[in-house]
């Protein structure tokens, strides 16, 4: 007896093949183990959204995205309707996204929900690195489940390894330099730093990520400094160890004016000037004898480093 498929239009037969593949994949998806994994990952995501502080709940976007991408491998089976391995590969793909979402949620519960209740928040770069480690761990676990030995991934061609290492040299250098900066803490967000030997290169740190540090200069210009460059530079921090920094002004007086009188007048003049701190107190010393007269060095302290030009100008106006 002729097969019923012979009497169907070719378009219907062609459409039935991907539908059959998708149906086979959906049958695998309905397995008890996978349903449990999805339930655990969803419960962990809900717990993260509930226990994270209000200002940190946006971090839950990572596990949420991975969980939403879980059905994607099954849609990909439509591209390979004749492949017998497509449903199994789709199952492994979904388990990867589910496991990655679960690990991301657990990471946030430990490093944000629990850690930040006892200690200061982890720097962003550390959190980003830990996130990618969790994704890599999920990938290795799924590869092992699929029969691929993870060790075989690291025993490839030496030439390929050398090429990749050379290509990623600067990127990896910036990443490790960023980790070193966060470990040593030569500066933090909000600090004013001079990031090379040029006195004009001074800015306030507004972001430290895995690749570079962003500073805002007094001209309100944003400067991106690679972490590798910062790691090799002599960094001058104007905010540490104390929140104030010293400013220096110079003035020249005639030789017939006693230096002690100049010092008394200058200290009285700068007292109460904008941004000038009473403690540590200002001081005046005789700095040099020049052709124009006696040069005096006025030293004052201010915590208004972002307004240092105004501090200097108003002290001179006195």
C-alpha atoms as a PDB file:
ATOM      1  CA  UNK A   1       0.000   0.000   0.000  1.00  0.00           C
ATOM      2  CA  UNK A   2       1.464   3.404  -0.943  1.00  0.00           C
ATOM      3  CA  UNK A   3       2.662   5.571   1.906  1.00  0.00           C
ATOM      4  CA  UNK A   4       0.389   8.412   2.901  1.00  0.00           C
ATOM      5  CA  UNK A   5       3.317  10.810   2.610  1.00  0.00           C
ATOM      6  CA  UNK A   6       3.337  10.203  -1.178  1.00  0.00           C
ATOM      7  CA  UNK A   7      -0.058  11.871  -1.493  1.00  0.00           C
ATOM      8  CA  UNK A   8       0.910  14.950   0.590  1.00  0.00           C
ATOM      9  CA  UNK A   9       2.130  18.093  -1.133  1.00  0.00           C
ATOM     10  CA  UNK A  10       5.880  18.477  -1.024  1.00  0.00           C
ATOM     11  CA  UNK A  11       5.612  21.710   0.972  1.00  0.00           C
ATOM     12  CA  UNK A  12       3.689  19.944   3.719  1.00  0.00           C
ATOM     13  CA  UNK A  13       6.217  17.126   3.826  1.00  0.00           C
ATOM     14  CA  UNK A  14       9.090  19.602   4.024  1.00  0.00           C
ATOM     15  CA  UNK A  15       7.340  21.476   6.790  1.00  0.00           C
ATOM     16  CA  UNK A  16       6.638  18.278   8.706  1.00  0.00           C
ATOM     17  CA  UNK A  17      10.340  17.425   9.065  1.00  0.00           C
ATOM     18  CA  UNK A  18      11.357  20.479  11.132  1.00  0.00           C
ATOM     19  CA  UNK A  19       8.148  20.203  13.117  1.00  0.00           C
ATOM     20  CA  UNK A  20       9.007  16.593  13.883  1.00  0.00           C
ATOM     21  CA  UNK A  21      12.492  17.625  14.985  1.00  0.00           C
ATOM     22  CA  UNK A  22      11.070  20.355  17.180  1.00  0.00           C
ATOM     23  CA  UNK A  23       8.520  17.956  18.653  1.00  0.00           C
ATOM     24  CA  UNK A  24      11.291  15.477  19.441  1.00  0.00           C
ATOM     25  CA  UNK A  25      13.255  18.225  21.144  1.00  0.00           C
ATOM     26  CA  UNK A  26      10.238  19.324  23.144  1.00  0.00           C
ATOM     27  CA  UNK A  27       9.756  15.767  24.308  1.00  0.00           C
ATOM     28  CA  UNK A  28      13.314  15.727  25.625  1.00  0.00           C
ATOM     29  CA  UNK A  29      12.761  19.062  27.263  1.00  0.00           C
ATOM     30  CA  UNK A  30       9.887  17.754  29.283  1.00  0.00           C
ATOM     31  CA  UNK A  31      12.167  15.408  31.166  1.00  0.00           C
ATOM     32  CA  UNK A  32      11.924  15.514  34.930  1.00  0.00           C
ATOM     33  CA  UNK A  33      15.559  16.488  35.500  1.00  0.00           C
ATOM     34  CA  UNK A  34      15.336  19.490  33.214  1.00  0.00           C
ATOM     35  CA  UNK A  35      12.129  20.667  34.816  1.00  0.00           C
ATOM     36  CA  UNK A  36      13.828  20.532  38.196  1.00  0.00           C
ATOM     37  CA  UNK A  37      16.815  22.498  36.894  1.00  0.00           C
ATOM     38  CA  UNK A  38      14.536  25.167  35.466  1.00  0.00           C
ATOM     39  CA  UNK A  39      12.586  25.375  38.715  1.00  0.00           C
ATOM     40  CA  UNK A  40      15.749  25.724  40.823  1.00  0.00           C
ATOM     41  CA  UNK A  41      17.210  28.376  38.513  1.00  0.00           C
ATOM     42  CA  UNK A  42      13.936  30.333  38.501  1.00  0.00           C
ATOM     43  CA  UNK A  43      13.661  30.109  42.301  1.00  0.00           C
ATOM     44  CA  UNK A  44      17.248  31.325  42.698  1.00  0.00           C
ATOM     45  CA  UNK A  45      16.567  34.261  40.373  1.00  0.00           C
ATOM     46  CA  UNK A  46      13.456  35.247  42.337  1.00  0.00           C
ATOM     47  CA  UNK A  47      15.422  35.007  45.590  1.00  0.00           C
ATOM     48  CA  UNK A  48      18.144  37.257  44.145  1.00  0.00           C
ATOM     49  CA  UNK A  49      15.585  39.845  43.054  1.00  0.00           C
ATOM     50  CA  UNK A  50      14.067  39.855  46.558  1.00  0.00           C
ATOM     51  CA  UNK A  51      17.170  39.927  48.780  1.00  0.00           C
ATOM     52  CA  UNK A  52      19.435  42.241  46.766  1.00  0.00           C
ATOM     53  CA  UNK A  53      19.521  45.872  47.967  1.00  0.00           C
ATOM     54  CA  UNK A  54      17.328  48.177  45.930  1.00  0.00           C
ATOM     55  CA  UNK A  55      20.246  49.929  44.284  1.00  0.00           C
ATOM     56  CA  UNK A  56      21.867  46.619  43.268  1.00  0.00           C
ATOM     57  CA  UNK A  57      18.905  44.764  41.801  1.00  0.00           C
ATOM     58  CA  UNK A  58      19.973  45.620  38.278  1.00  0.00           C
ATOM     59  CA  UNK A  59      22.708  42.997  38.753  1.00  0.00           C
ATOM     60  CA  UNK A  60      19.984  40.349  38.491  1.00  0.00           C
ATOM     61  CA  UNK A  61      19.812  41.115  34.752  1.00  0.00           C
ATOM     62  CA  UNK A  62      22.609  38.625  34.022  1.00  0.00           C
ATOM     63  CA  UNK A  63      20.936  35.483  35.441  1.00  0.00           C
ATOM     64  CA  UNK A  64      17.600  36.669  34.005  1.00  0.00           C
ATOM     65  CA  UNK A  65      19.046  36.965  30.492  1.00  0.00           C
ATOM     66  CA  UNK A  66      20.611  33.501  30.670  1.00  0.00           C
ATOM     67  CA  UNK A  67      17.325  32.008  31.834  1.00  0.00           C
ATOM     68  CA  UNK A  68      15.379  33.738  29.050  1.00  0.00           C
ATOM     69  CA  UNK A  69      17.854  32.400  26.469  1.00  0.00           C
ATOM     70  CA  UNK A  70      17.281  28.799  27.583  1.00  0.00           C
ATOM     71  CA  UNK A  71      14.654  27.999  24.877  1.00  0.00           C
ATOM     72  CA  UNK A  72      16.918  29.380  22.132  1.00  0.00           C
ATOM     73  CA  UNK A  73      18.719  26.070  21.356  1.00  0.00           C
ATOM     74  CA  UNK A  74      15.370  24.419  20.550  1.00  0.00           C
ATOM     75  CA  UNK A  75      14.570  27.068  17.985  1.00  0.00           C
ATOM     76  CA  UNK A  76      17.971  26.391  16.449  1.00  0.00           C
ATOM     77  CA  UNK A  77      16.918  22.782  15.742  1.00  0.00           C
ATOM     78  CA  UNK A  78      14.656  24.137  12.997  1.00  0.00           C
ATOM     79  CA  UNK A  79      17.790  24.949  11.035  1.00  0.00           C
ATOM     80  CA  UNK A  80      18.884  21.289  11.104  1.00  0.00           C
ATOM     81  CA  UNK A  81      15.671  19.286  10.739  1.00  0.00           C
ATOM     82  CA  UNK A  82      17.417  16.181   9.389  1.00  0.00           C
ATOM     83  CA  UNK A  83      20.080  15.977  12.095  1.00  0.00           C
ATOM     84  CA  UNK A  84      19.523  13.170  14.567  1.00  0.00           C
ATOM     85  CA  UNK A  85      21.816  14.855  17.099  1.00  0.00           C
ATOM     86  CA  UNK A  86      20.013  18.221  17.050  1.00  0.00           C
ATOM     87  CA  UNK A  87      17.567  17.427  19.906  1.00  0.00           C
ATOM     88  CA  UNK A  88      20.357  16.187  22.192  1.00  0.00           C
ATOM     89  CA  UNK A  89      22.496  19.234  21.361  1.00  0.00           C
ATOM     90  CA  UNK A  90      19.520  21.488  22.060  1.00  0.00           C
ATOM     91  CA  UNK A  91      19.054  19.824  25.447  1.00  0.00           C
ATOM     92  CA  UNK A  92      22.713  20.450  26.326  1.00  0.00           C
ATOM     93  CA  UNK A  93      22.394  24.038  25.131  1.00  0.00           C
ATOM     94  CA  UNK A  94      19.393  24.667  27.331  1.00  0.00           C
ATOM     95  CA  UNK A  95      21.124  23.114  30.312  1.00  0.00           C
ATOM     96  CA  UNK A  96      24.088  25.419  29.732  1.00  0.00           C
ATOM     97  CA  UNK A  97      21.909  28.528  29.926  1.00  0.00           C
ATOM     98  CA  UNK A  98      20.027  27.187  32.953  1.00  0.00           C
ATOM     99  CA  UNK A  99      23.241  26.267  34.778  1.00  0.00           C
ATOM    100  CA  UNK A 100      24.847  29.602  33.900  1.00  0.00           C
ATOM    101  CA  UNK A 101      21.787  31.421  35.258  1.00  0.00           C
ATOM    102  CA  UNK A 102      21.866  29.373  38.463  1.00  0.00           C
ATOM    103  CA  UNK A 103      25.584  29.992  39.032  1.00  0.00           C
ATOM    104  CA  UNK A 104      25.133  33.719  38.377  1.00  0.00           C
ATOM    105  CA  UNK A 105      22.325  33.850  40.942  1.00  0.00           C
ATOM    106  CA  UNK A 106      24.380  31.981  43.543  1.00  0.00           C
ATOM    107  CA  UNK A 107      27.305  34.319  42.899  1.00  0.00           C
ATOM    108  CA  UNK A 108      25.121  37.378  43.534  1.00  0.00           C
ATOM    109  CA  UNK A 109      23.689  35.851  46.695  1.00  0.00           C
ATOM    110  CA  UNK A 110      27.197  35.322  48.090  1.00  0.00           C
ATOM    111  CA  UNK A 111      29.098  38.379  46.821  1.00  0.00           C
ATOM    112  CA  UNK A 112      26.322  40.984  47.024  1.00  0.00           C
ATOM    113  CA  UNK A 113      23.442  39.899  49.242  1.00  0.00           C
ATOM    114  CA  UNK A 114      25.644  38.337  51.955  1.00  0.00           C
ATOM    115  CA  UNK A 115      29.082  39.952  51.534  1.00  0.00           C
ATOM    116  CA  UNK A 116      27.869  43.550  51.332  1.00  0.00           C
ATOM    117  CA  UNK A 117      25.995  43.221  54.615  1.00  0.00           C
ATOM    118  CA  UNK A 118      29.315  42.680  56.387  1.00  0.00           C
ATOM    119  CA  UNK A 119      31.987  44.274  54.200  1.00  0.00           C
ATOM    120  CA  UNK A 120      32.294  47.064  51.606  1.00  0.00           C
ATOM    121  CA  UNK A 121      31.039  46.161  48.106  1.00  0.00           C
ATOM    122  CA  UNK A 122      33.387  44.252  45.846  1.00  0.00           C
ATOM    123  CA  UNK A 123      34.896  46.331  43.042  1.00  0.00           C
ATOM    124  CA  UNK A 124      33.073  46.015  39.745  1.00  0.00           C
ATOM    125  CA  UNK A 125      36.037  44.439  37.991  1.00  0.00           C
ATOM    126  CA  UNK A 126      36.183  41.566  40.513  1.00  0.00           C
ATOM    127  CA  UNK A 127      32.470  40.964  40.124  1.00  0.00           C
ATOM    128  CA  UNK A 128      32.776  40.948  36.323  1.00  0.00           C
ATOM    129  CA  UNK A 129      35.665  38.465  36.420  1.00  0.00           C
ATOM    130  CA  UNK A 130      33.734  36.173  38.775  1.00  0.00           C
ATOM    131  CA  UNK A 131      30.721  36.337  36.456  1.00  0.00           C
ATOM    132  CA  UNK A 132      32.737  35.161  33.468  1.00  0.00           C
ATOM    133  CA  UNK A 133      34.329  32.425  35.574  1.00  0.00           C
ATOM    134  CA  UNK A 134      30.814  31.156  36.391  1.00  0.00           C
ATOM    135  CA  UNK A 135      29.909  31.169  32.680  1.00  0.00           C
ATOM    136  CA  UNK A 136      33.100  29.263  31.848  1.00  0.00           C
ATOM    137  CA  UNK A 137      32.396  26.768  34.634  1.00  0.00           C
ATOM    138  CA  UNK A 138      28.896  26.159  33.243  1.00  0.00           C
ATOM    139  CA  UNK A 139      30.334  25.627  29.764  1.00  0.00           C
ATOM    140  CA  UNK A 140      32.937  23.142  30.989  1.00  0.00           C
ATOM    141  CA  UNK A 141      30.322  21.227  32.985  1.00  0.00           C
ATOM    142  CA  UNK A 142      28.044  20.911  29.942  1.00  0.00           C
ATOM    143  CA  UNK A 143      30.931  19.842  27.719  1.00  0.00           C
ATOM    144  CA  UNK A 144      31.824  17.151  30.239  1.00  0.00           C
ATOM    145  CA  UNK A 145      28.207  16.019  30.299  1.00  0.00           C
ATOM    146  CA  UNK A 146      28.245  15.869  26.497  1.00  0.00           C
ATOM    147  CA  UNK A 147      31.270  13.585  26.492  1.00  0.00           C
ATOM    148  CA  UNK A 148      33.967  16.178  25.771  1.00  0.00           C
ATOM    149  CA  UNK A 149      36.955  16.099  28.091  1.00  0.00           C
ATOM    150  CA  UNK A 150      37.592  19.698  29.235  1.00  0.00           C
ATOM    151  CA  UNK A 151      41.320  19.020  29.341  1.00  0.00           C
ATOM    152  CA  UNK A 152      41.384  18.438  25.595  1.00  0.00           C
ATOM    153  CA  UNK A 153      40.395  22.077  25.053  1.00  0.00           C
ATOM    154  CA  UNK A 154      43.706  23.233  26.519  1.00  0.00           C
ATOM    155  CA  UNK A 155      45.975  20.862  24.596  1.00  0.00           C
ATOM    156  CA  UNK A 156      45.598  22.451  21.166  1.00  0.00           C
ATOM    157  CA  UNK A 157      48.253  23.637  18.787  1.00  0.00           C
ATOM    158  CA  UNK A 158      51.111  25.568  20.328  1.00  0.00           C
ATOM    159  CA  UNK A 159      51.070  27.913  17.342  1.00  0.00           C
ATOM    160  CA  UNK A 160      47.394  28.790  17.883  1.00  0.00           C
ATOM    161  CA  UNK A 161      48.048  29.360  21.585  1.00  0.00           C
ATOM    162  CA  UNK A 162      50.984  31.638  20.803  1.00  0.00           C
ATOM    163  CA  UNK A 163      48.962  33.651  18.267  1.00  0.00           C
ATOM    164  CA  UNK A 164      46.059  34.087  20.677  1.00  0.00           C
ATOM    165  CA  UNK A 165      48.412  35.043  23.496  1.00  0.00           C
ATOM    166  CA  UNK A 166      50.096  37.670  21.344  1.00  0.00           C
ATOM    167  CA  UNK A 167      46.768  39.056  20.124  1.00  0.00           C
ATOM    168  CA  UNK A 168      45.354  39.307  23.643  1.00  0.00           C
ATOM    169  CA  UNK A 169      48.563  40.546  25.264  1.00  0.00           C
ATOM    170  CA  UNK A 170      47.406  44.129  25.800  1.00  0.00           C
ATOM    171  CA  UNK A 171      43.884  43.124  26.823  1.00  0.00           C
ATOM    172  CA  UNK A 172      45.091  40.588  29.375  1.00  0.00           C
ATOM    173  CA  UNK A 173      47.694  43.056  30.627  1.00  0.00           C
ATOM    174  CA  UNK A 174      44.982  45.650  31.257  1.00  0.00           C
ATOM    175  CA  UNK A 175      42.797  43.066  33.029  1.00  0.00           C
ATOM    176  CA  UNK A 176      45.540  41.946  35.404  1.00  0.00           C
ATOM    177  CA  UNK A 177      46.615  45.552  35.949  1.00  0.00           C
ATOM    178  CA  UNK A 178      43.014  46.396  36.876  1.00  0.00           C
ATOM    179  CA  UNK A 179      42.955  43.527  39.358  1.00  0.00           C
ATOM    180  CA  UNK A 180      46.241  44.753  40.859  1.00  0.00           C
ATOM    181  CA  UNK A 181      44.857  48.289  41.173  1.00  0.00           C
ATOM    182  CA  UNK A 182      41.818  46.993  43.037  1.00  0.00           C
ATOM    183  CA  UNK A 183      43.973  44.802  45.271  1.00  0.00           C
ATOM    184  CA  UNK A 184      46.489  47.524  46.181  1.00  0.00           C
ATOM    185  CA  UNK A 185      43.915  50.394  46.150  1.00  0.00           C
ATOM    186  CA  UNK A 186      46.275  53.259  45.235  1.00  0.00           C
ATOM    187  CA  UNK A 187      43.104  55.225  44.497  1.00  0.00           C
ATOM    188  CA  UNK A 188      39.352  54.785  44.697  1.00  0.00           C
ATOM    189  CA  UNK A 189      36.276  56.274  43.078  1.00  0.00           C
ATOM    190  CA  UNK A 190      36.102  59.991  43.753  1.00  0.00           C
ATOM    191  CA  UNK A 191      39.865  60.429  44.317  1.00  0.00           C
ATOM    192  CA  UNK A 192      41.803  63.124  42.492  1.00  0.00           C
ATOM    193  CA  UNK A 193      44.926  61.677  40.903  1.00  0.00           C
ATOM    194  CA  UNK A 194      47.756  62.696  38.608  1.00  0.00           C
ATOM    195  CA  UNK A 195      48.109  59.736  36.278  1.00  0.00           C
ATOM    196  CA  UNK A 196      51.459  60.503  34.596  1.00  0.00           C
ATOM    197  CA  UNK A 197      54.365  62.944  34.791  1.00  0.00           C
ATOM    198  CA  UNK A 198      52.435  65.751  33.092  1.00  0.00           C
ATOM    199  CA  UNK A 199      51.146  68.144  35.814  1.00  0.00           C
ATOM    200  CA  UNK A 200      48.151  68.951  33.595  1.00  0.00           C
ATOM    201  CA  UNK A 201      47.006  65.326  33.611  1.00  0.00           C
ATOM    202  CA  UNK A 202      44.963  65.452  36.799  1.00  0.00           C
ATOM    203  CA  UNK A 203      41.426  64.127  37.130  1.00  0.00           C
ATOM    204  CA  UNK A 204      38.791  62.699  39.434  1.00  0.00           C
ATOM    205  CA  UNK A 205      38.303  58.921  39.191  1.00  0.00           C
ATOM    206  CA  UNK A 206      34.723  58.108  38.156  1.00  0.00           C
ATOM    207  CA  UNK A 207      35.031  54.491  36.983  1.00  0.00           C
ATOM    208  CA  UNK A 208      37.454  51.570  37.200  1.00  0.00           C
ATOM    209  CA  UNK A 209      36.579  48.640  34.959  1.00  0.00           C
ATOM    210  CA  UNK A 210      38.369  45.559  33.638  1.00  0.00           C
ATOM    211  CA  UNK A 211      40.167  47.441  30.836  1.00  0.00           C
ATOM    212  CA  UNK A 212      40.656  51.065  31.800  1.00  0.00           C
ATOM    213  CA  UNK A 213      40.089  53.801  34.365  1.00  0.00           C
ATOM    214  CA  UNK A 214      37.968  56.839  33.539  1.00  0.00           C
ATOM    215  CA  UNK A 215      38.808  60.236  35.018  1.00  0.00           C
ATOM    216  CA  UNK A 216      37.152  63.637  34.676  1.00  0.00           C
ATOM    217  CA  UNK A 217      39.556  66.574  34.463  1.00  0.00           C
ATOM    218  CA  UNK A 218      39.005  70.074  35.816  1.00  0.00           C
ATOM    219  CA  UNK A 219      37.961  71.058  32.275  1.00  0.00           C
ATOM    220  CA  UNK A 220      35.116  68.497  32.539  1.00  0.00           C
ATOM    221  CA  UNK A 221      36.809  66.343  29.913  1.00  0.00           C
ATOM    222  CA  UNK A 222      36.558  62.557  30.171  1.00  0.00           C
ATOM    223  CA  UNK A 223      39.880  60.729  29.859  1.00  0.00           C
ATOM    224  CA  UNK A 224      40.154  56.942  29.478  1.00  0.00           C
ATOM    225  CA  UNK A 225      43.475  55.672  30.831  1.00  0.00           C
ATOM    226  CA  UNK A 226      44.355  51.980  30.177  1.00  0.00           C
ATOM    227  CA  UNK A 227      44.996  50.081  33.386  1.00  0.00           C
ATOM    228  CA  UNK A 228      48.288  48.804  31.989  1.00  0.00           C
ATOM    229  CA  UNK A 229      49.497  52.389  31.653  1.00  0.00           C
ATOM    230  CA  UNK A 230      48.440  53.202  35.215  1.00  0.00           C
ATOM    231  CA  UNK A 231      50.232  50.135  36.548  1.00  0.00           C
ATOM    232  CA  UNK A 232      53.525  51.420  35.111  1.00  0.00           C
ATOM    233  CA  UNK A 233      53.064  55.067  36.093  1.00  0.00           C
ATOM    234  CA  UNK A 234      53.825  56.930  39.303  1.00  0.00           C
ATOM    235  CA  UNK A 235      50.361  57.858  40.574  1.00  0.00           C
ATOM    236  CA  UNK A 236      49.987  60.940  42.742  1.00  0.00           C
ATOM    237  CA  UNK A 237      46.835  60.859  44.856  1.00  0.00           C
ATOM    238  CA  UNK A 238      45.675  64.260  46.110  1.00  0.00           C
ATOM    239  CA  UNK A 239      42.878  62.766  48.244  1.00  0.00           C
ATOM    240  CA  UNK A 240      44.853  60.195  50.238  1.00  0.00           C
ATOM    241  CA  UNK A 241      45.874  59.635  52.979  1.00  0.00           C
ATOM    242  CA  UNK A 242      43.969  62.758  54.105  1.00  0.00           C
ATOM    243  CA  UNK A 243      41.111  64.462  52.262  1.00  0.00           C
ATOM    244  CA  UNK A 244      43.056  67.745  52.021  1.00  0.00           C
ATOM    245  CA  UNK A 245      46.003  68.721  49.862  1.00  0.00           C
ATOM    246  CA  UNK A 246      48.522  71.549  49.953  1.00  0.00           C
ATOM    247  CA  UNK A 247      48.486  74.469  47.548  1.00  0.00           C
ATOM    248  CA  UNK A 248      51.505  76.719  46.933  1.00  0.00           C
ATOM    249  CA  UNK A 249      51.483  80.424  46.101  1.00  0.00           C
ATOM    250  CA  UNK A 250      54.514  82.650  45.531  1.00  0.00           C
ATOM    251  CA  UNK A 251      54.849  86.398  45.974  1.00  0.00           C
ATOM    252  CA  UNK A 252      57.748  88.828  45.773  1.00  0.00           C
ATOM    253  CA  UNK A 253      58.206  91.824  48.092  1.00  0.00           C
ATOM    254  CA  UNK A 254      60.799  94.634  48.159  1.00  0.00           C
ATOM    255  CA  UNK A 255      63.953  94.141  50.177  1.00  0.00           C
ATOM    256  CA  UNK A 256      63.078  96.962  52.536  1.00  0.00           C
ATOM    257  CA  UNK A 257      60.004  95.096  53.871  1.00  0.00           C
ATOM    258  CA  UNK A 258      60.896  92.765  56.784  1.00  0.00           C
ATOM    259  CA  UNK A 259      60.051  89.106  56.029  1.00  0.00           C
ATOM    260  CA  UNK A 260      58.397  88.712  59.450  1.00  0.00           C
ATOM    261  CA  UNK A 261      55.968  91.528  58.641  1.00  0.00           C
ATOM    262  CA  UNK A 262      55.181  89.957  55.264  1.00  0.00           C
ATOM    263  CA  UNK A 263      54.446  86.638  56.917  1.00  0.00           C
ATOM    264  CA  UNK A 264      52.127  88.223  59.488  1.00  0.00           C
ATOM    265  CA  UNK A 265      50.199  90.169  56.838  1.00  0.00           C
ATOM    266  CA  UNK A 266      49.874  87.195  54.468  1.00  0.00           C
ATOM    267  CA  UNK A 267      48.633  84.819  57.184  1.00  0.00           C
ATOM    268  CA  UNK A 268      46.073  87.369  58.310  1.00  0.00           C
ATOM    269  CA  UNK A 269      44.974  87.897  54.704  1.00  0.00           C
ATOM    270  CA  UNK A 270      44.413  84.234  53.802  1.00  0.00           C
ATOM    271  CA  UNK A 271      42.604  83.476  57.050  1.00  0.00           C
ATOM    272  CA  UNK A 272      38.971  82.757  56.206  1.00  0.00           C
ATOM    273  CA  UNK A 273      39.592  82.780  52.462  1.00  0.00           C
ATOM    274  CA  UNK A 274      37.451  80.417  50.401  1.00  0.00           C
ATOM    275  CA  UNK A 275      38.599  76.806  50.742  1.00  0.00           C
ATOM    276  CA  UNK A 276      41.553  77.556  53.015  1.00  0.00           C
ATOM    277  CA  UNK A 277      41.548  75.247  56.038  1.00  0.00           C
ATOM    278  CA  UNK A 278      42.436  76.431  59.513  1.00  0.00           C
ATOM    279  CA  UNK A 279      43.845  72.977  60.309  1.00  0.00           C
ATOM    280  CA  UNK A 280      46.402  72.225  59.017  1.00  0.00           C
ATOM    281  CA  UNK A 281      47.229  75.930  59.305  1.00  0.00           C
ATOM    282  CA  UNK A 282      48.689  78.022  56.451  1.00  0.00           C
ATOM    283  CA  UNK A 283      52.356  78.977  56.622  1.00  0.00           C
ATOM    284  CA  UNK A 284      54.729  81.397  54.915  1.00  0.00           C
ATOM    285  CA  UNK A 285      58.475  80.911  54.456  1.00  0.00           C
ATOM    286  CA  UNK A 286      61.162  82.963  52.767  1.00  0.00           C
ATOM    287  CA  UNK A 287      61.911  80.977  49.647  1.00  0.00           C
ATOM    288  CA  UNK A 288      64.558  82.894  47.658  1.00  0.00           C
ATOM    289  CA  UNK A 289      66.271  86.223  47.032  1.00  0.00           C
ATOM    290  CA  UNK A 290      65.812  87.363  43.471  1.00  0.00           C
ATOM    291  CA  UNK A 291      66.614  90.445  41.392  1.00  0.00           C
ATOM    292  CA  UNK A 292      63.039  91.654  41.914  1.00  0.00           C
ATOM    293  CA  UNK A 293      63.042  91.184  45.681  1.00  0.00           C
ATOM    294  CA  UNK A 294      62.397  88.559  48.353  1.00  0.00           C
ATOM    295  CA  UNK A 295      60.315  85.602  47.188  1.00  0.00           C
ATOM    296  CA  UNK A 296      57.911  84.197  49.778  1.00  0.00           C
ATOM    297  CA  UNK A 297      56.324  80.765  49.586  1.00  0.00           C
ATOM    298  CA  UNK A 298      52.739  80.683  50.850  1.00  0.00           C
ATOM    299  CA  UNK A 299      51.558  77.180  51.747  1.00  0.00           C
ATOM    300  CA  UNK A 300      47.909  76.521  52.482  1.00  0.00           C
ATOM    301  CA  UNK A 301      45.679  73.453  52.694  1.00  0.00           C
ATOM    302  CA  UNK A 302      42.288  72.860  51.118  1.00  0.00           C
ATOM    303  CA  UNK A 303      39.779  70.038  50.816  1.00  0.00           C
ATOM    304  CA  UNK A 304      38.205  71.727  47.786  1.00  0.00           C
ATOM    305  CA  UNK A 305      40.606  70.211  45.280  1.00  0.00           C
ATOM    306  CA  UNK A 306      38.027  70.312  42.495  1.00  0.00           C
ATOM    307  CA  UNK A 307      37.847  74.101  43.045  1.00  0.00           C
ATOM    308  CA  UNK A 308      41.582  74.577  43.498  1.00  0.00           C
ATOM    309  CA  UNK A 309      41.835  77.343  40.893  1.00  0.00           C
ATOM    310  CA  UNK A 310      39.215  79.347  42.774  1.00  0.00           C
ATOM    311  CA  UNK A 311      40.972  78.661  46.077  1.00  0.00           C
ATOM    312  CA  UNK A 312      44.286  79.924  44.674  1.00  0.00           C
ATOM    313  CA  UNK A 313      42.707  82.942  42.990  1.00  0.00           C
ATOM    314  CA  UNK A 314      40.742  84.133  46.004  1.00  0.00           C
ATOM    315  CA  UNK A 315      43.788  83.713  48.246  1.00  0.00           C
ATOM    316  CA  UNK A 316      45.804  85.895  45.829  1.00  0.00           C
ATOM    317  CA  UNK A 317      43.024  88.482  45.780  1.00  0.00           C
ATOM    318  CA  UNK A 318      43.392  88.951  49.500  1.00  0.00           C
END
